[in-house]
Amino acid sequence: MTKVILIDDEPLARSMVKEYLSAYADIAIVDECNDGFEGVKAIAQHKPDLIFLDIQMPKINGFEMLELVENPPTVIFTTAFDEYAIQAFEQHALDYLLKPFSKERFDKAIQKWRSLQGGAPQDTTELLENTSLPEERLRIVVKKGNNIVILPIHTVHYLEAYDDYVKIHTKEGFYLKKKTMGHFEKVLDPKQFVRIHRSYLMNLQELTRIEAAEKDSHLALLRSGTRIPLSQSGYAKLKEVLGI
């Protein structure tokens, strides 16, 4: 029996999926979730084979939710998203249902999913790396142990490359996020966060001064007392942003 979870804040949308799935005797809905927080818990508990996931939800969006799930199951996105996102789904060979969707379109998604079973597992990594929503300029969603933490962007002092992760430094300490520095450089407001070094993105609000160091190098001194190295290009970029 195939285990399915529905994650959508719209009861009507979940009801439609339930109605369409009732035609499939070998598929069982093991849980329904109103938001991404519930979705993370339900996936960990039930370990479903397939989830139907809305993108635009309160609290955290569907992309942010997927980033918090270790080894996420196969996803069929249900969305009222714009053309840009649809192109992203198609580019990465992930299926989606554009709301409102018909029974015929739903059945095609199920058949596509069936045809791919037993093949290479679905990989959402590239989609999540290259697709973002406007709210991601305002916050970063991370997981700390069993807790989900929403970091308002103004609380972030700086970001640091750390192997396959990014360290997000705040007053309370640091959090890890499986993203690239390039992703954050693209998503965050360039007037607020500046790439001062290959390994560092700095919140300009935290900068107190620029210090000269040895061999014509420079350091950024933050309000916390942390010193961050500036590359030559980062130093030039910082001077340009500051108008000095």
Protein backbone atom coordinates (compact mmCIF):
# COMPACT_ATOMS: atom_id res chain seq x y z
CA MET A 1 0.00 0.00 0.00
CA THR A 2 1.35 3.41 -1.00
CA LYS A 3 1.36 5.95 1.84
CA VAL A 4 0.46 9.53 0.95
CA ILE A 5 0.40 12.79 2.94
CA LEU A 6 -1.47 15.92 1.86
CA ILE A 7 0.11 19.23 2.92
CA ASP A 8 -2.01 22.25 2.03
CA ASP A 9 -3.55 25.06 4.09
CA GLU A 10 -6.69 25.04 1.93
CA PRO A 11 -9.24 22.40 3.10
CA LEU A 12 -11.01 22.56 -0.27
CA ALA A 13 -7.79 21.74 -2.12
CA ARG A 14 -7.12 18.77 0.18
CA SER A 15 -10.70 17.56 -0.31
CA MET A 16 -10.25 17.62 -4.07
CA VAL A 17 -7.06 15.55 -3.87
CA LYS A 18 -8.78 13.10 -1.49
CA GLU A 19 -11.68 12.73 -3.91
CA TYR A 20 -9.37 12.10 -6.86
CA LEU A 21 -7.27 9.61 -4.85
CA SER A 22 -10.35 7.61 -3.85
CA ALA A 23 -10.20 5.97 -7.29
CA TYR A 24 -6.86 4.34 -6.39
CA ALA A 25 -7.35 1.35 -4.10
CA ASP A 26 -3.61 0.89 -3.54
CA ILE A 27 -3.05 4.43 -2.22
CA ALA A 28 -3.78 5.34 1.40
CA ILE A 29 -3.80 8.86 2.82
CA VAL A 30 -2.03 8.52 6.18
CA ASP A 31 -2.17 12.19 7.23
CA GLU A 32 -3.32 15.68 6.28
CA CYS A 33 -1.46 18.84 7.29
CA ASN A 34 -2.48 22.50 7.36
CA ASP A 35 1.04 23.93 7.26
CA GLY A 36 4.72 23.15 6.85
CA PHE A 37 5.36 22.63 10.56
CA GLU A 38 2.78 19.85 10.66
CA GLY A 39 4.19 18.51 7.40
CA VAL A 40 7.73 18.10 8.77
CA LYS A 41 6.39 16.15 11.78
CA ALA A 42 4.03 14.00 9.71
CA ILE A 43 6.75 13.02 7.23
CA ALA A 44 9.09 12.02 10.07
CA GLN A 45 6.32 9.98 11.70
CA HIS A 46 4.77 8.21 8.70
CA LYS A 47 7.66 8.11 6.19
CA PRO A 48 5.29 8.40 3.21
CA ASP A 49 6.02 7.28 -0.33
CA LEU A 50 4.48 10.40 -1.85
CA ILE A 51 3.35 13.85 -0.70
CA PHE A 52 1.12 16.43 -2.33
CA LEU A 53 2.62 19.76 -1.30
CA ASP A 54 1.28 23.28 -1.64
CA ILE A 55 3.90 26.01 -2.14
CA GLN A 56 2.33 29.13 -0.66
CA MET A 57 1.31 28.41 2.94
CA PRO A 58 1.35 30.38 6.20
CA LYS A 59 4.25 30.10 8.67
CA ILE A 60 6.69 28.47 6.22
CA ASN A 61 6.26 27.83 2.50
CA GLY A 62 6.53 24.47 0.77
CA PHE A 63 10.13 25.01 -0.34
CA GLU A 64 11.22 25.92 3.18
CA MET A 65 9.45 22.84 4.53
CA LEU A 66 11.24 20.52 2.11
CA GLU A 67 14.60 21.94 3.15
CA LEU A 68 13.88 20.82 6.72
CA VAL A 69 13.10 17.21 5.77
CA GLU A 70 15.88 14.67 5.71
CA ASN A 71 15.62 12.43 2.63
CA PRO A 72 12.28 13.90 1.49
CA PRO A 73 9.77 11.59 -0.23
CA THR A 74 8.62 12.03 -3.80
CA VAL A 75 6.70 15.29 -4.21
CA ILE A 76 3.88 16.34 -6.47
CA PHE A 77 3.54 20.09 -6.05
CA THR A 78 0.09 21.68 -6.00
CA THR A 79 0.35 25.37 -6.70
CA ALA A 80 -1.23 28.54 -8.00
CA PHE A 81 2.30 29.73 -8.72
CA ASP A 82 3.51 32.02 -11.48
CA GLU A 83 5.06 31.05 -14.81
CA TYR A 84 8.63 31.44 -13.54
CA ALA A 85 8.15 28.71 -10.96
CA ILE A 86 6.37 26.46 -13.44
CA GLN A 87 9.39 26.70 -15.74
CA ALA A 88 11.61 25.77 -12.78
CA PHE A 89 9.51 22.67 -12.05
CA GLU A 90 9.67 21.59 -15.69
CA GLN A 91 13.39 22.24 -15.93
CA HIS A 92 14.06 19.95 -12.97
CA ALA A 93 11.59 17.28 -14.12
CA LEU A 94 9.39 17.60 -11.04
CA ASP A 95 5.66 17.26 -11.46
CA TYR A 96 3.18 19.90 -10.41
CA LEU A 97 -0.55 20.46 -10.48
CA LEU A 98 -1.57 24.01 -11.30
CA LYS A 99 -4.65 24.97 -9.28
CA PRO A 100 -7.44 24.48 -10.11
CA PHE A 101 -6.60 21.14 -11.74
CA SER A 102 -8.86 18.57 -13.38
CA LYS A 103 -9.22 14.87 -12.63
CA GLU A 104 -7.58 14.14 -15.98
CA ARG A 105 -4.52 16.25 -15.11
CA PHE A 106 -4.36 14.66 -11.66
CA ASP A 107 -4.43 11.16 -13.15
CA LYS A 108 -1.57 12.08 -15.49
CA ALA A 109 0.52 13.12 -12.48
CA ILE A 110 -0.22 9.81 -10.76
CA GLN A 111 0.67 7.85 -13.89
CA LYS A 112 3.92 9.78 -14.26
CA TRP A 113 4.77 9.05 -10.64
CA ARG A 114 3.99 5.32 -11.13
CA SER A 115 6.19 5.17 -14.23
CA LEU A 116 9.14 6.57 -12.29
CA GLN A 117 8.86 4.19 -9.33
CA GLY A 118 11.91 2.00 -8.99
CA GLY A 119 14.05 4.46 -10.91
CA ALA A 120 16.41 7.14 -9.63
CA PRO A 121 14.97 8.94 -6.58
CA GLN A 122 13.55 12.40 -7.13
CA ASP A 123 16.05 15.13 -6.28
CA THR A 124 14.64 18.51 -5.25
CA THR A 125 18.04 19.95 -4.28
CA GLU A 126 18.65 21.91 -7.47
CA LEU A 127 15.10 23.25 -7.56
CA LEU A 128 15.35 24.49 -3.97
CA GLU A 129 18.76 26.03 -4.66
CA ASN A 130 17.59 27.97 -7.70
CA THR A 131 14.01 28.91 -6.80
CA SER A 132 13.02 31.35 -4.07
CA LEU A 133 10.00 33.24 -2.80
CA PRO A 134 9.82 36.91 -1.74
CA GLU A 135 9.52 36.06 1.96
CA GLU A 136 13.00 34.50 1.87
CA ARG A 137 14.40 38.05 1.83
CA LEU A 138 12.80 38.57 5.23
CA ARG A 139 13.67 35.37 7.08
CA ILE A 140 15.68 32.18 7.12
CA VAL A 141 14.06 28.94 8.31
CA VAL A 142 16.39 26.46 10.01
CA LYS A 143 16.17 23.31 12.08
CA LYS A 144 17.89 23.08 15.48
CA GLY A 145 17.56 19.60 16.93
CA ASN A 146 13.83 18.82 16.82
CA ASN A 147 12.85 22.49 16.69
CA ILE A 148 12.12 24.66 13.67
CA VAL A 149 13.46 28.20 14.07
CA ILE A 150 12.46 31.21 11.98
CA LEU A 151 15.25 33.80 11.96
CA PRO A 152 14.15 37.34 11.00
CA ILE A 153 16.78 38.52 8.55
CA HIS A 154 17.72 41.57 10.65
CA THR A 155 18.89 39.22 13.45
CA VAL A 156 21.51 37.62 11.19
CA HIS A 157 25.00 39.09 11.71
CA TYR A 158 26.76 37.26 8.89
CA LEU A 159 26.79 34.04 6.89
CA GLU A 160 29.82 31.79 6.51
CA ALA A 161 30.52 28.98 4.05
CA TYR A 162 30.97 25.67 5.87
CA ASP A 163 31.56 22.62 3.64
CA ASP A 164 28.18 21.79 2.04
CA TYR A 165 26.38 24.08 4.48
CA VAL A 166 26.16 27.74 5.39
CA LYS A 167 26.65 28.86 8.99
CA ILE A 168 24.13 31.56 9.90
CA HIS A 169 25.57 33.61 12.75
CA THR A 170 23.26 35.43 15.17
CA LYS A 171 23.48 36.87 18.68
CA GLU A 172 22.35 33.49 20.07
CA GLY A 173 24.97 31.49 18.16
CA PHE A 174 25.02 29.87 14.74
CA TYR A 175 22.65 27.65 12.77
CA LEU A 176 23.43 25.39 9.82
CA LYS A 177 21.53 25.47 6.54
CA LYS A 178 22.19 23.13 3.61
CA LYS A 179 22.47 25.87 0.99
CA THR A 180 25.23 27.61 -0.94
CA MET A 181 26.59 31.10 -0.43
CA GLY A 182 25.57 31.81 -4.01
CA HIS A 183 21.94 31.10 -3.13
CA PHE A 184 21.92 33.56 -0.25
CA GLU A 185 23.80 36.19 -2.26
CA LYS A 186 21.09 35.95 -4.90
CA VAL A 187 18.14 35.90 -2.48
CA LEU A 188 19.13 38.46 0.17
CA ASP A 189 18.86 42.23 -0.34
CA PRO A 190 22.26 43.40 -1.72
CA LYS A 191 21.75 46.73 0.05
CA GLN A 192 21.71 44.87 3.37
CA PHE A 193 24.01 41.87 2.82
CA VAL A 194 27.33 42.20 1.00
CA ARG A 195 29.58 39.37 -0.20
CA ILE A 196 32.82 40.62 1.33
CA HIS A 197 34.74 37.39 0.82
CA ARG A 198 34.26 34.10 -0.97
CA SER A 199 33.28 32.59 2.39
CA TYR A 200 31.36 35.47 3.97
CA LEU A 201 28.18 37.49 3.51
CA MET A 202 27.90 40.35 6.01
CA ASN A 203 24.91 42.30 7.33
CA LEU A 204 25.86 45.95 6.82
CA GLN A 205 23.89 46.94 9.93
CA GLU A 206 26.42 44.99 12.03
CA LEU A 207 29.51 46.72 10.63
CA THR A 208 31.25 49.18 12.97
CA ARG A 209 34.49 49.82 11.10
CA ILE A 210 36.99 48.52 8.56
CA GLU A 211 40.45 47.78 9.93
CA ALA A 212 43.72 47.62 8.05
CA ALA A 213 45.61 44.35 8.46
CA GLU A 214 48.92 43.00 7.21
CA LYS A 215 50.00 43.06 3.56
CA ASP A 216 47.33 45.56 2.45
CA SER A 217 44.51 43.28 3.63
CA HIS A 218 41.49 44.45 5.63
CA LEU A 219 39.08 43.18 8.27
CA ALA A 220 35.44 44.05 8.96
CA LEU A 221 34.76 44.62 12.66
CA LEU A 222 31.19 43.81 13.70
CA ARG A 223 29.23 45.11 16.68
CA SER A 224 29.64 41.70 18.31
CA GLY A 225 33.43 42.13 18.22
CA THR A 226 33.82 39.52 15.47
CA ARG A 227 36.40 40.28 12.80
CA ILE A 228 35.80 39.01 9.28
CA PRO A 229 38.43 39.02 6.51
CA LEU A 230 37.78 41.09 3.40
CA SER A 231 38.99 39.87 0.04
CA GLN A 232 40.30 42.51 -2.37
CA SER A 233 37.12 42.35 -4.42
CA GLY A 234 35.02 42.29 -1.24
CA TYR A 235 36.80 45.37 0.07
CA ALA A 236 36.18 47.18 -3.21
CA LYS A 237 32.52 46.13 -3.19
CA LEU A 238 32.08 47.25 0.42
CA LYS A 239 33.60 50.67 -0.31
CA GLU A 240 31.28 51.03 -3.28
CA VAL A 241 28.19 50.15 -1.23
CA LEU A 242 29.25 52.51 1.58
CA GLY A 243 30.15 55.27 -0.86
CA ILE A 244 33.73 55.70 0.35
